Structure formats: structure tokens, C-alpha cells
Amino acid sequence: MTTSLLDTSAAVRACVFTLAGEPFAIDVTQVREVAIFEEVTTVPLAPRHLVGVANLRGEVVPIADPREVLGLSARSSGRKIPTLIVEAEGFEVALVIDEEVSLEAFGGITPLDESSPEPYAPWALGFLPDGERLVPLLDPARLLRALREERREEG
């Protein structure tokens, strides 16, 4: 976790993207790149959130769709799969996103508390104020742990 995320008054640069039309953000220090995959290899008996694996410059990267864990509607199928390559706990994964993505700076983080907007609080480090809305600043490590736990529950 970066120092800027521990100080809720510090400026935060985040990669803002949408999932099922809703805005989310991940700190830029945890985003390696944006990648669009056209060729994906499915994995037999994989959990629903694992779209498959793909070749990223000679490395096999898993492609995971976080929509179900976040309680969002399923993605519409298509040939191109836009993703954010994120790193959490030494592991890289391609998280499926909608096509809209931007790099934005925020003045600080609204910390989590009992009044935090649900249902995204369990996977957020806090919320980024953007006008009148609060954009969940997702914690990729928590999100990946939730995806792994879902796999154990299915198995």
C-alpha cells in the first residue's frame, strides 16, 4: 500500500473506469497498464469470474471479471475484452472493465466508516469525491482475495 493511500488528505492519482456503467477507481501505483485482449483461452472448470487467460508479451495473465463479486450485472460478450493490468500482493491479473478509462487526480480520500456507501465498501480503501458523487477507490488485493474465496466456495 502506498503512503498516499494512508493519508486521507493527500492528493491521489487514480485510474478511473466503469463497470456496468458505474465509476470505480484504482490507485495508479497498482495499475500497470490498460490492455485489450482479442484472443483468450478459456480454462476448463474455471470459476465464473475467470474469463480465461491470455498472452501479454510472452507472459500468461489471468483475466478476471469482478462484476459478480461487486454485485453488478454481467458483461455483454464481445470479441474485444478491455482490461486493467493490476498488481496486488505480488500477483498480476487483468481485471475486465468497460471501455471508458481515464487518469484523474483527486484532492483526498473520504475514509470508510459506518455511513460508507454499500455495496462497494468491503472492497474499497475509501471513496474519492468527484463532484456530488463518491467514486469507490478499490483495493485490488481485497478484490482478488474475494475472487479466490469465491473459487473455494464453489469447489
N, C-alpha and C. Protein backbone atom coordinates (compact mmCIF):
# COMPACT_ATOMS: atom_id res chain seq x y z
N MET A 1 0.85 -1.17 0.00
CA MET A 1 0.00 0.00 0.00
C MET A 1 0.89 1.23 0.00
N THR A 2 0.54 2.23 -0.79
CA THR A 2 1.36 3.41 -0.88
C THR A 2 1.09 4.37 0.26
N THR A 3 2.07 5.21 0.56
CA THR A 3 1.93 6.18 1.63
C THR A 3 0.77 7.12 1.37
N SER A 4 0.56 7.50 0.10
CA SER A 4 -0.51 8.44 -0.22
C SER A 4 -1.87 7.88 0.15
N LEU A 5 -2.03 6.57 0.12
CA LEU A 5 -3.32 5.98 0.47
C LEU A 5 -3.56 5.98 1.97
N LEU A 6 -2.49 6.06 2.76
CA LEU A 6 -2.65 6.08 4.21
C LEU A 6 -3.04 7.45 4.71
N ASP A 7 -2.69 8.51 3.98
CA ASP A 7 -3.01 9.89 4.35
C ASP A 7 -4.24 10.30 3.55
N THR A 8 -5.38 10.38 4.21
CA THR A 8 -6.63 10.66 3.50
C THR A 8 -6.69 12.07 2.95
N SER A 9 -5.80 12.99 3.40
CA SER A 9 -5.81 14.35 2.88
C SER A 9 -4.86 14.52 1.70
N ALA A 10 -4.01 13.52 1.42
CA ALA A 10 -3.04 13.62 0.33
C ALA A 10 -3.74 13.51 -1.01
N ALA A 11 -3.14 14.13 -2.00
CA ALA A 11 -3.67 14.02 -3.36
C ALA A 11 -3.50 12.59 -3.85
N VAL A 12 -4.48 12.12 -4.60
CA VAL A 12 -4.46 10.75 -5.11
C VAL A 12 -4.64 10.79 -6.62
N ARG A 13 -3.75 10.10 -7.32
CA ARG A 13 -3.93 9.91 -8.75
C ARG A 13 -4.50 8.52 -8.94
N ALA A 14 -5.58 8.44 -9.67
CA ALA A 14 -6.26 7.16 -9.82
C ALA A 14 -6.66 6.93 -11.27
N CYS A 15 -6.70 5.66 -11.62
CA CYS A 15 -7.21 5.23 -12.90
C CYS A 15 -8.71 5.01 -12.68
N VAL A 16 -9.53 5.82 -13.32
CA VAL A 16 -10.98 5.74 -13.16
C VAL A 16 -11.55 5.00 -14.36
N PHE A 17 -12.43 4.06 -14.08
CA PHE A 17 -13.02 3.23 -15.13
C PHE A 17 -14.45 2.92 -14.73
N THR A 18 -15.18 2.32 -15.65
CA THR A 18 -16.55 1.94 -15.34
C THR A 18 -16.71 0.43 -15.43
N LEU A 19 -17.63 -0.05 -14.62
CA LEU A 19 -18.08 -1.44 -14.65
C LEU A 19 -19.60 -1.37 -14.62
N ALA A 20 -20.24 -1.95 -15.59
CA ALA A 20 -21.71 -1.92 -15.70
C ALA A 20 -22.21 -0.47 -15.60
N GLY A 21 -21.41 0.45 -16.17
CA GLY A 21 -21.80 1.85 -16.20
C GLY A 21 -21.53 2.63 -14.93
N GLU A 22 -21.00 2.01 -13.89
CA GLU A 22 -20.73 2.69 -12.62
C GLU A 22 -19.24 2.98 -12.50
N PRO A 23 -18.88 4.17 -11.97
CA PRO A 23 -17.45 4.52 -11.86
C PRO A 23 -16.77 3.84 -10.68
N PHE A 24 -15.52 3.44 -10.91
CA PHE A 24 -14.65 2.87 -9.89
C PHE A 24 -13.26 3.42 -10.15
N ALA A 25 -12.37 3.30 -9.16
CA ALA A 25 -11.00 3.77 -9.33
C ALA A 25 -10.03 2.81 -8.66
N ILE A 26 -8.81 2.80 -9.17
CA ILE A 26 -7.70 2.07 -8.55
C ILE A 26 -6.50 3.02 -8.58
N ASP A 27 -5.77 3.08 -7.48
CA ASP A 27 -4.60 3.95 -7.39
C ASP A 27 -3.64 3.60 -8.52
N VAL A 28 -3.08 4.63 -9.18
CA VAL A 28 -2.21 4.40 -10.33
C VAL A 28 -0.98 3.58 -9.98
N THR A 29 -0.56 3.57 -8.74
CA THR A 29 0.62 2.80 -8.37
C THR A 29 0.38 1.30 -8.46
N GLN A 30 -0.89 0.89 -8.54
CA GLN A 30 -1.22 -0.53 -8.62
C GLN A 30 -1.67 -0.94 -10.02
N VAL A 31 -1.78 0.02 -10.93
CA VAL A 31 -2.17 -0.27 -12.30
C VAL A 31 -0.92 -0.28 -13.17
N ARG A 32 -0.70 -1.38 -13.86
CA ARG A 32 0.48 -1.50 -14.72
C ARG A 32 0.21 -0.97 -16.12
N GLU A 33 -0.99 -1.25 -16.63
CA GLU A 33 -1.34 -0.79 -17.97
C GLU A 33 -2.79 -1.12 -18.28
N VAL A 34 -3.24 -0.57 -19.40
CA VAL A 34 -4.54 -0.92 -19.96
C VAL A 34 -4.25 -1.85 -21.12
N ALA A 35 -4.95 -2.97 -21.19
CA ALA A 35 -4.75 -3.92 -22.28
C ALA A 35 -6.10 -4.37 -22.82
N ILE A 36 -6.16 -4.54 -24.11
CA ILE A 36 -7.37 -5.06 -24.76
C ILE A 36 -7.02 -6.40 -25.37
N PHE A 37 -7.73 -7.42 -24.94
CA PHE A 37 -7.46 -8.77 -25.42
C PHE A 37 -8.53 -9.19 -26.43
N GLU A 38 -8.07 -9.76 -27.52
CA GLU A 38 -8.98 -10.32 -28.52
C GLU A 38 -8.94 -11.83 -28.52
N GLU A 39 -7.81 -12.39 -28.12
CA GLU A 39 -7.66 -13.84 -28.08
C GLU A 39 -7.50 -14.28 -26.63
N VAL A 40 -8.47 -15.04 -26.17
CA VAL A 40 -8.48 -15.51 -24.78
C VAL A 40 -8.66 -17.02 -24.79
N THR A 41 -7.88 -17.69 -23.97
CA THR A 41 -8.02 -19.14 -23.82
C THR A 41 -8.87 -19.41 -22.59
N THR A 42 -9.98 -20.12 -22.79
CA THR A 42 -10.82 -20.46 -21.65
C THR A 42 -10.16 -21.57 -20.84
N VAL A 43 -10.49 -21.61 -19.57
CA VAL A 43 -9.92 -22.59 -18.66
C VAL A 43 -11.05 -23.54 -18.24
N PRO A 44 -10.91 -24.84 -18.55
CA PRO A 44 -11.97 -25.79 -18.17
C PRO A 44 -12.20 -25.80 -16.65
N LEU A 45 -13.45 -25.88 -16.26
CA LEU A 45 -13.87 -25.94 -14.86
C LEU A 45 -13.47 -24.72 -14.05
N ALA A 46 -13.20 -23.60 -14.70
CA ALA A 46 -12.83 -22.36 -14.01
C ALA A 46 -14.06 -21.74 -13.37
N PRO A 47 -13.85 -20.96 -12.31
CA PRO A 47 -14.99 -20.25 -11.71
C PRO A 47 -15.55 -19.23 -12.70
N ARG A 48 -16.79 -18.80 -12.47
CA ARG A 48 -17.47 -17.90 -13.40
C ARG A 48 -16.71 -16.60 -13.65
N HIS A 49 -16.05 -16.08 -12.63
CA HIS A 49 -15.37 -14.79 -12.78
C HIS A 49 -14.08 -14.88 -13.60
N LEU A 50 -13.54 -16.07 -13.79
CA LEU A 50 -12.32 -16.22 -14.59
C LEU A 50 -12.70 -16.35 -16.06
N VAL A 51 -12.51 -15.26 -16.79
CA VAL A 51 -12.87 -15.22 -18.20
C VAL A 51 -11.96 -16.17 -18.98
N GLY A 52 -10.70 -16.24 -18.57
CA GLY A 52 -9.72 -17.09 -19.23
C GLY A 52 -8.32 -16.58 -18.96
N VAL A 53 -7.39 -16.98 -19.80
CA VAL A 53 -6.02 -16.49 -19.72
C VAL A 53 -5.61 -15.99 -21.10
N ALA A 54 -4.62 -15.10 -21.11
CA ALA A 54 -4.16 -14.55 -22.39
C ALA A 54 -2.66 -14.30 -22.32
N ASN A 55 -2.08 -14.15 -23.49
CA ASN A 55 -0.66 -13.88 -23.62
C ASN A 55 -0.45 -12.37 -23.62
N LEU A 56 0.34 -11.90 -22.67
CA LEU A 56 0.70 -10.49 -22.60
C LEU A 56 2.22 -10.40 -22.72
N ARG A 57 2.70 -10.16 -23.93
CA ARG A 57 4.14 -10.08 -24.21
C ARG A 57 4.89 -11.29 -23.67
N GLY A 58 4.39 -12.48 -23.94
CA GLY A 58 5.06 -13.71 -23.56
C GLY A 58 4.72 -14.23 -22.17
N GLU A 59 3.96 -13.49 -21.40
CA GLU A 59 3.54 -13.92 -20.06
C GLU A 59 2.06 -14.28 -20.08
N VAL A 60 1.71 -15.37 -19.40
CA VAL A 60 0.30 -15.76 -19.29
C VAL A 60 -0.31 -14.96 -18.15
N VAL A 61 -1.39 -14.26 -18.44
CA VAL A 61 -2.06 -13.45 -17.43
C VAL A 61 -3.52 -13.90 -17.31
N PRO A 62 -3.99 -14.12 -16.07
CA PRO A 62 -5.40 -14.47 -15.89
C PRO A 62 -6.27 -13.23 -16.10
N ILE A 63 -7.44 -13.43 -16.67
CA ILE A 63 -8.40 -12.36 -16.90
C ILE A 63 -9.61 -12.63 -16.02
N ALA A 64 -9.85 -11.73 -15.08
CA ALA A 64 -10.94 -11.91 -14.12
C ALA A 64 -11.95 -10.78 -14.26
N ASP A 65 -13.22 -11.12 -14.18
CA ASP A 65 -14.30 -10.14 -14.23
C ASP A 65 -14.84 -9.94 -12.81
N PRO A 66 -14.63 -8.76 -12.21
CA PRO A 66 -15.06 -8.53 -10.83
C PRO A 66 -16.54 -8.19 -10.66
N ARG A 67 -17.30 -8.15 -11.74
CA ARG A 67 -18.69 -7.69 -11.66
C ARG A 67 -19.53 -8.50 -10.66
N GLU A 68 -19.43 -9.80 -10.70
CA GLU A 68 -20.27 -10.62 -9.82
C GLU A 68 -19.95 -10.37 -8.34
N VAL A 69 -18.65 -10.30 -8.02
CA VAL A 69 -18.25 -10.03 -6.62
C VAL A 69 -18.77 -8.68 -6.17
N LEU A 70 -18.77 -7.70 -7.08
CA LEU A 70 -19.24 -6.36 -6.74
C LEU A 70 -20.75 -6.22 -6.83
N GLY A 71 -21.43 -7.29 -7.23
CA GLY A 71 -22.89 -7.26 -7.31
C GLY A 71 -23.42 -6.50 -8.52
N LEU A 72 -22.66 -6.49 -9.60
CA LEU A 72 -23.05 -5.78 -10.81
C LEU A 72 -23.54 -6.75 -11.88
N SER A 73 -24.24 -6.21 -12.86
CA SER A 73 -24.76 -7.06 -13.94
C SER A 73 -23.61 -7.58 -14.79
N ALA A 74 -23.82 -8.72 -15.40
CA ALA A 74 -22.80 -9.40 -16.21
C ALA A 74 -22.43 -8.55 -17.42
N ARG A 75 -21.23 -8.75 -17.88
CA ARG A 75 -20.72 -8.02 -19.05
C ARG A 75 -21.34 -8.60 -20.30
N SER A 76 -21.57 -7.72 -21.26
CA SER A 76 -22.05 -8.21 -22.54
C SER A 76 -20.86 -8.80 -23.28
N SER A 77 -21.09 -9.91 -23.92
CA SER A 77 -19.98 -10.59 -24.59
C SER A 77 -19.56 -9.80 -25.81
N GLY A 78 -18.32 -9.94 -26.14
CA GLY A 78 -17.78 -9.26 -27.31
C GLY A 78 -16.41 -9.82 -27.61
N ARG A 79 -15.94 -9.56 -28.79
CA ARG A 79 -14.64 -10.09 -29.20
C ARG A 79 -13.51 -9.43 -28.42
N LYS A 80 -13.57 -8.12 -28.22
CA LYS A 80 -12.53 -7.39 -27.52
C LYS A 80 -12.86 -7.29 -26.03
N ILE A 81 -11.86 -7.57 -25.20
CA ILE A 81 -12.05 -7.51 -23.76
C ILE A 81 -11.09 -6.46 -23.19
N PRO A 82 -11.62 -5.26 -22.84
CA PRO A 82 -10.76 -4.24 -22.25
C PRO A 82 -10.47 -4.58 -20.79
N THR A 83 -9.22 -4.40 -20.37
CA THR A 83 -8.82 -4.75 -19.00
C THR A 83 -7.84 -3.73 -18.45
N LEU A 84 -7.72 -3.75 -17.13
CA LEU A 84 -6.64 -3.06 -16.43
C LEU A 84 -5.74 -4.14 -15.88
N ILE A 85 -4.45 -4.06 -16.16
CA ILE A 85 -3.49 -5.00 -15.58
C ILE A 85 -3.11 -4.41 -14.23
N VAL A 86 -3.50 -5.08 -13.14
CA VAL A 86 -3.22 -4.59 -11.80
C VAL A 86 -2.31 -5.57 -11.07
N GLU A 87 -1.57 -5.03 -10.12
CA GLU A 87 -0.71 -5.86 -9.30
C GLU A 87 -1.15 -5.74 -7.85
N ALA A 88 -1.30 -6.88 -7.22
CA ALA A 88 -1.67 -6.92 -5.80
C ALA A 88 -1.00 -8.12 -5.17
N GLU A 89 -0.32 -7.87 -4.08
CA GLU A 89 0.35 -8.94 -3.33
C GLU A 89 1.26 -9.78 -4.21
N GLY A 90 1.98 -9.11 -5.13
CA GLY A 90 2.93 -9.79 -6.00
C GLY A 90 2.31 -10.57 -7.14
N PHE A 91 1.05 -10.40 -7.39
CA PHE A 91 0.34 -11.15 -8.42
C PHE A 91 -0.27 -10.18 -9.41
N GLU A 92 -0.09 -10.43 -10.70
CA GLU A 92 -0.71 -9.60 -11.73
C GLU A 92 -1.93 -10.29 -12.30
N VAL A 93 -2.97 -9.51 -12.50
CA VAL A 93 -4.20 -10.02 -13.09
C VAL A 93 -4.79 -8.93 -13.98
N ALA A 94 -5.48 -9.35 -15.02
CA ALA A 94 -6.19 -8.42 -15.90
C ALA A 94 -7.64 -8.37 -15.43
N LEU A 95 -8.05 -7.20 -14.92
CA LEU A 95 -9.43 -7.04 -14.48
C LEU A 95 -10.25 -6.47 -15.63
N VAL A 96 -11.33 -7.14 -15.98
CA VAL A 96 -12.19 -6.71 -17.06
C VAL A 96 -12.89 -5.41 -16.64
N ILE A 97 -12.89 -4.44 -17.56
CA ILE A 97 -13.56 -3.16 -17.33
C ILE A 97 -14.43 -2.85 -18.53
N ASP A 98 -15.25 -1.79 -18.42
CA ASP A 98 -15.92 -1.25 -19.60
C ASP A 98 -14.85 -0.49 -20.38
N GLU A 99 -15.20 0.01 -21.53
CA GLU A 99 -14.19 0.65 -22.37
C GLU A 99 -13.74 2.02 -21.86
N GLU A 100 -14.55 2.69 -21.05
CA GLU A 100 -14.20 4.03 -20.58
C GLU A 100 -13.14 3.93 -19.49
N VAL A 101 -12.01 4.67 -19.65
CA VAL A 101 -10.96 4.70 -18.66
C VAL A 101 -10.25 6.05 -18.75
N SER A 102 -9.87 6.61 -17.59
CA SER A 102 -9.17 7.89 -17.57
C SER A 102 -8.24 7.94 -16.36
N LEU A 103 -7.29 8.84 -16.42
CA LEU A 103 -6.38 9.09 -15.31
C LEU A 103 -6.80 10.42 -14.70
N GLU A 104 -7.10 10.41 -13.40
CA GLU A 104 -7.60 11.61 -12.75
C GLU A 104 -6.90 11.83 -11.42
N ALA A 105 -6.84 13.09 -11.01
CA ALA A 105 -6.27 13.46 -9.71
C ALA A 105 -7.41 13.89 -8.79
N PHE A 106 -7.32 13.47 -7.53
CA PHE A 106 -8.32 13.82 -6.53
C PHE A 106 -7.62 14.47 -5.35
N GLY A 107 -8.32 15.35 -4.66
CA GLY A 107 -7.75 16.08 -3.53
C GLY A 107 -7.51 15.25 -2.30
N GLY A 108 -8.17 14.13 -2.16
CA GLY A 108 -8.01 13.27 -1.00
C GLY A 108 -9.00 12.14 -1.03
N ILE A 109 -8.98 11.36 0.03
CA ILE A 109 -9.85 10.18 0.13
C ILE A 109 -10.85 10.39 1.27
N THR A 110 -12.10 10.08 1.01
CA THR A 110 -13.09 10.03 2.08
C THR A 110 -12.96 8.66 2.71
N PRO A 111 -12.56 8.59 3.98
CA PRO A 111 -12.32 7.28 4.60
C PRO A 111 -13.60 6.48 4.78
N LEU A 112 -13.41 5.17 4.91
CA LEU A 112 -14.53 4.28 5.16
C LEU A 112 -15.03 4.47 6.59
N ASP A 113 -16.32 4.42 6.76
CA ASP A 113 -16.93 4.40 8.09
C ASP A 113 -18.29 3.74 7.97
N GLU A 114 -19.04 3.74 9.05
CA GLU A 114 -20.33 3.03 9.03
C GLU A 114 -21.33 3.65 8.06
N SER A 115 -21.10 4.89 7.62
CA SER A 115 -22.02 5.51 6.66
C SER A 115 -21.54 5.37 5.22
N SER A 116 -20.46 4.60 5.00
CA SER A 116 -19.92 4.43 3.64
C SER A 116 -20.95 3.77 2.73
N PRO A 117 -20.98 4.22 1.49
CA PRO A 117 -21.95 3.66 0.54
C PRO A 117 -21.73 2.16 0.33
N GLU A 118 -22.78 1.43 0.38
CA GLU A 118 -22.74 -0.01 0.09
C GLU A 118 -23.14 -0.17 -1.36
N PRO A 119 -22.84 -1.22 -2.00
CA PRO A 119 -22.24 -2.45 -1.52
C PRO A 119 -20.73 -2.53 -1.73
N TYR A 120 -20.08 -1.42 -2.11
CA TYR A 120 -18.68 -1.48 -2.51
C TYR A 120 -17.69 -1.30 -1.38
N ALA A 121 -18.13 -0.88 -0.21
CA ALA A 121 -17.23 -0.62 0.91
C ALA A 121 -16.32 -1.80 1.26
N PRO A 122 -16.78 -3.06 1.21
CA PRO A 122 -15.89 -4.17 1.56
C PRO A 122 -14.65 -4.29 0.67
N TRP A 123 -14.69 -3.74 -0.53
CA TRP A 123 -13.56 -3.86 -1.46
C TRP A 123 -12.87 -2.53 -1.70
N ALA A 124 -13.20 -1.52 -0.90
CA ALA A 124 -12.66 -0.19 -1.12
C ALA A 124 -11.70 0.23 -0.01
N LEU A 125 -10.74 1.06 -0.38
CA LEU A 125 -9.85 1.70 0.58
C LEU A 125 -10.49 2.97 1.12
N GLY A 126 -11.42 3.49 0.36
CA GLY A 126 -12.12 4.73 0.68
C GLY A 126 -12.87 5.17 -0.56
N PHE A 127 -13.30 6.41 -0.55
CA PHE A 127 -14.05 6.94 -1.68
C PHE A 127 -13.43 8.26 -2.11
N LEU A 128 -13.40 8.48 -3.41
CA LEU A 128 -12.84 9.70 -3.98
C LEU A 128 -13.97 10.64 -4.34
N PRO A 129 -14.00 11.84 -3.74
CA PRO A 129 -15.06 12.79 -4.07
C PRO A 129 -14.88 13.33 -5.48
N ASP A 130 -15.92 13.21 -6.27
CA ASP A 130 -15.91 13.68 -7.66
C ASP A 130 -17.22 14.42 -7.88
N GLY A 131 -17.21 15.71 -7.61
CA GLY A 131 -18.45 16.47 -7.68
C GLY A 131 -19.38 16.03 -6.56
N GLU A 132 -20.57 15.61 -6.93
CA GLU A 132 -21.55 15.18 -5.92
C GLU A 132 -21.53 13.68 -5.68
N ARG A 133 -20.71 12.95 -6.42
CA ARG A 133 -20.67 11.50 -6.24
C ARG A 133 -19.38 11.09 -5.55
N LEU A 134 -19.40 9.90 -4.97
CA LEU A 134 -18.21 9.31 -4.36
C LEU A 134 -17.82 8.10 -5.19
N VAL A 135 -16.61 8.10 -5.71
CA VAL A 135 -16.11 7.00 -6.55
C VAL A 135 -15.36 6.03 -5.65
N PRO A 136 -15.78 4.76 -5.59
CA PRO A 136 -15.04 3.79 -4.77
C PRO A 136 -13.61 3.61 -5.26
N LEU A 137 -12.65 3.78 -4.35
CA LEU A 137 -11.24 3.52 -4.63
C LEU A 137 -11.01 2.06 -4.24
N LEU A 138 -11.04 1.18 -5.22
CA LEU A 138 -10.95 -0.25 -4.96
C LEU A 138 -9.56 -0.66 -4.48
N ASP A 139 -9.53 -1.64 -3.61
CA ASP A 139 -8.29 -2.25 -3.15
C ASP A 139 -8.14 -3.55 -3.94
N PRO A 140 -7.23 -3.59 -4.92
CA PRO A 140 -7.09 -4.79 -5.74
C PRO A 140 -6.79 -6.05 -4.92
N ALA A 141 -6.04 -5.92 -3.83
CA ALA A 141 -5.73 -7.09 -3.01
C ALA A 141 -6.99 -7.68 -2.40
N ARG A 142 -7.86 -6.83 -1.85
CA ARG A 142 -9.14 -7.32 -1.27
C ARG A 142 -10.01 -7.94 -2.35
N LEU A 143 -10.05 -7.29 -3.50
CA LEU A 143 -10.88 -7.80 -4.60
C LEU A 143 -10.38 -9.16 -5.06
N LEU A 144 -9.07 -9.32 -5.21
CA LEU A 144 -8.52 -10.61 -5.63
C LEU A 144 -8.75 -11.68 -4.56
N ARG A 145 -8.62 -11.30 -3.29
CA ARG A 145 -8.91 -12.27 -2.21
C ARG A 145 -10.37 -12.71 -2.28
N ALA A 146 -11.28 -11.78 -2.54
CA ALA A 146 -12.70 -12.13 -2.65
C ALA A 146 -12.94 -13.08 -3.82
N LEU A 147 -12.25 -12.86 -4.92
CA LEU A 147 -12.38 -13.76 -6.07
C LEU A 147 -11.84 -15.14 -5.74
N ARG A 148 -10.72 -15.20 -5.00
CA ARG A 148 -10.17 -16.51 -4.60
C ARG A 148 -11.11 -17.23 -3.64
N GLU A 149 -11.70 -16.49 -2.71
CA GLU A 149 -12.64 -17.09 -1.76
C GLU A 149 -13.86 -17.65 -2.47
N GLU A 150 -14.33 -16.92 -3.49
CA GLU A 150 -15.47 -17.41 -4.27
C GLU A 150 -15.13 -18.74 -4.92
N ARG A 151 -13.89 -18.87 -5.39
CA ARG A 151 -13.44 -20.13 -6.01
C ARG A 151 -13.49 -21.26 -5.00
N ARG A 152 -13.02 -21.01 -3.78
CA ARG A 152 -13.02 -22.06 -2.74
C ARG A 152 -14.44 -22.48 -2.39
N GLU A 153 -15.36 -21.51 -2.36
CA GLU A 153 -16.76 -21.82 -2.03
C GLU A 153 -17.39 -22.69 -3.12
N GLU A 154 -17.00 -22.45 -4.39
CA GLU A 154 -17.55 -23.25 -5.49
C GLU A 154 -17.01 -24.66 -5.47
N GLY A 155 -15.75 -24.82 -5.05
CA GLY A 155 -15.06 -26.12 -5.15
C GLY A 155 -15.39 -27.02 -4.08
